[in-house]
Protein backbone atom coordinates (compact mmCIF):
# COMPACT_ATOMS: atom_id res chain seq x y z
CA MET A 1 12.76 -6.09 -6.47
CA PRO A 2 11.96 -3.19 -4.21
CA LEU A 3 9.59 -0.67 -5.73
CA LEU A 4 9.37 2.86 -4.33
CA THR A 5 6.51 5.02 -5.54
CA VAL A 6 6.28 8.59 -4.29
CA THR A 7 3.22 10.74 -4.91
CA CYS A 8 3.54 14.47 -4.16
CA SER A 9 0.78 17.02 -3.97
CA GLU A 10 2.97 19.63 -5.68
CA SER A 11 4.47 19.36 -9.17
CA VAL A 12 8.20 18.67 -9.27
CA GLU A 13 10.43 19.86 -12.11
CA SER A 14 11.79 16.95 -14.14
CA ALA A 15 15.49 17.47 -13.33
CA THR A 16 14.70 17.83 -9.63
CA ALA A 17 12.55 14.70 -9.69
CA GLN A 18 15.35 12.73 -11.35
CA ALA A 19 17.91 13.87 -8.77
CA VAL A 20 15.55 13.04 -5.90
CA LEU A 21 14.83 9.59 -7.33
CA GLU A 22 18.52 8.82 -7.76
CA ARG A 23 19.20 9.79 -4.15
CA LEU A 24 16.22 7.79 -2.88
CA SER A 25 17.21 4.77 -4.97
CA ARG A 26 20.72 4.67 -3.49
CA ALA A 27 19.47 5.22 0.05
CA VAL A 28 16.73 2.55 -0.10
CA SER A 29 19.08 0.05 -1.74
CA GLU A 30 21.66 0.55 1.01
CA ALA A 31 19.07 0.46 3.79
CA LEU A 32 17.54 -2.79 2.51
CA GLY A 33 20.88 -4.35 1.63
CA LYS A 34 19.65 -5.14 -1.89
CA PRO A 35 21.45 -4.31 -5.14
CA GLU A 36 20.28 -1.04 -6.64
CA ARG A 37 19.98 -2.69 -10.07
CA TYR A 38 16.82 -4.44 -8.79
CA LEU A 39 15.20 -1.31 -7.35
CA ALA A 40 12.63 0.73 -9.27
CA ALA A 41 11.55 4.19 -8.14
CA SER A 42 9.04 6.68 -9.49
CA LEU A 43 7.76 10.08 -8.50
CA ARG A 44 4.49 11.58 -9.63
CA SER A 45 2.38 14.58 -8.76
CA ALA A 46 -1.32 14.52 -8.01
CA PRO A 47 -3.66 16.85 -6.14
CA SER A 48 -4.27 15.57 -2.63
CA VAL A 49 -5.60 16.44 0.79
CA PHE A 50 -3.66 15.40 3.88
CA GLY A 51 -5.16 16.03 7.29
CA GLY A 52 -7.92 18.10 5.70
CA SER A 53 -5.41 20.49 4.11
CA ALA A 54 -4.14 20.95 0.56
CA ALA A 55 -0.73 22.11 1.86
CA PRO A 56 2.26 20.23 0.38
CA SER A 57 2.34 16.53 1.26
CA CYS A 58 3.75 13.22 0.03
CA VAL A 59 2.87 9.55 0.25
CA ALA A 60 5.67 7.04 -0.31
CA GLU A 61 4.93 3.36 -0.89
CA LEU A 62 7.74 0.84 -0.59
CA SER A 63 6.97 -2.66 -1.86
CA ASN A 64 9.47 -5.42 -1.14
CA ILE A 65 9.93 -9.15 -1.50
CA GLY A 66 10.90 -10.48 1.90
CA ALA A 67 10.06 -9.52 5.43
CA LEU A 68 10.72 -6.11 6.92
CA THR A 69 11.24 -6.00 10.66
CA PRO A 70 9.73 -3.24 12.82
CA GLY A 71 13.24 -1.84 13.22
CA GLN A 72 13.78 -1.75 9.45
CA THR A 73 10.47 -0.01 8.79
CA GLU A 74 11.20 2.53 11.55
CA ARG A 75 14.60 3.32 9.99
CA MET A 76 13.16 3.38 6.46
CA SER A 77 10.36 5.72 7.51
CA ARG A 78 12.87 8.09 9.12
CA LEU A 79 15.13 7.90 6.05
CA LEU A 80 12.36 8.49 3.51
CA CYS A 81 10.68 11.26 5.49
CA THR A 82 14.00 13.03 6.04
CA LEU A 83 15.06 12.82 2.39
CA LEU A 84 11.66 13.84 1.04
CA ALA A 85 11.42 16.74 3.49
CA GLU A 86 14.91 17.95 2.53
CA GLN A 87 14.60 17.43 -1.21
CA LEU A 88 10.98 18.50 -1.78
CA ALA A 89 10.41 20.97 1.06
CA VAL A 90 7.51 18.95 2.47
CA PRO A 91 7.25 18.88 6.27
CA ALA A 92 8.02 15.39 7.61
CA ASP A 93 4.71 15.36 9.50
CA ARG A 94 2.92 15.67 6.13
CA ILE A 95 4.54 12.53 4.71
CA TYR A 96 3.11 9.04 5.00
CA VAL A 97 5.13 5.93 4.26
CA LEU A 98 3.38 2.67 3.46
CA PHE A 99 5.26 -0.64 3.46
CA ARG A 100 4.04 -3.63 1.45
CA ILE A 101 5.42 -7.15 1.50
CA VAL A 102 4.92 -8.97 -1.80
CA GLU A 103 5.18 -12.72 -2.29
CA PRO A 104 7.91 -13.60 -4.83
CA HIS A 105 5.42 -15.35 -7.12
CA HIS A 106 3.31 -12.16 -7.20
CA TRP A 107 6.17 -10.10 -8.68
CA GLY A 108 6.88 -10.44 -12.38
CA ASN A 109 10.02 -9.53 -14.30
CA ALA A 110 11.60 -10.55 -17.61
CA ALA A 111 8.60 -12.72 -18.56
CA GLY A 112 8.74 -14.65 -15.28
CA THR A 113 8.38 -14.13 -11.56
CA PHE A 114 10.79 -14.06 -8.64
CA GLY A 115 9.08 -17.11 -7.10
């Protein structure tokens, strides 16, 4: 059920993007304690401005069914910023992470919902 969407200001070669997504998928699955088979992750590139600058940046959005504690979001932010900085050469202070909690009945799959 978790959905991780990463938007980068710089284009990322397809093979690199796939490797980054696989690493992020495993890490997020482990950190949330949810089976990876339910996690979806995508990475896209789009021009952006962060802090008034067009220097490389990323925005990661993690949507999840179920509550996330402040401790979990702190750890997830550290994890995502670290991995994105390492894998995409984007400074951690130019990465935002947004967490969204979704009600089970607002999340569809296989012609139904999780609620």
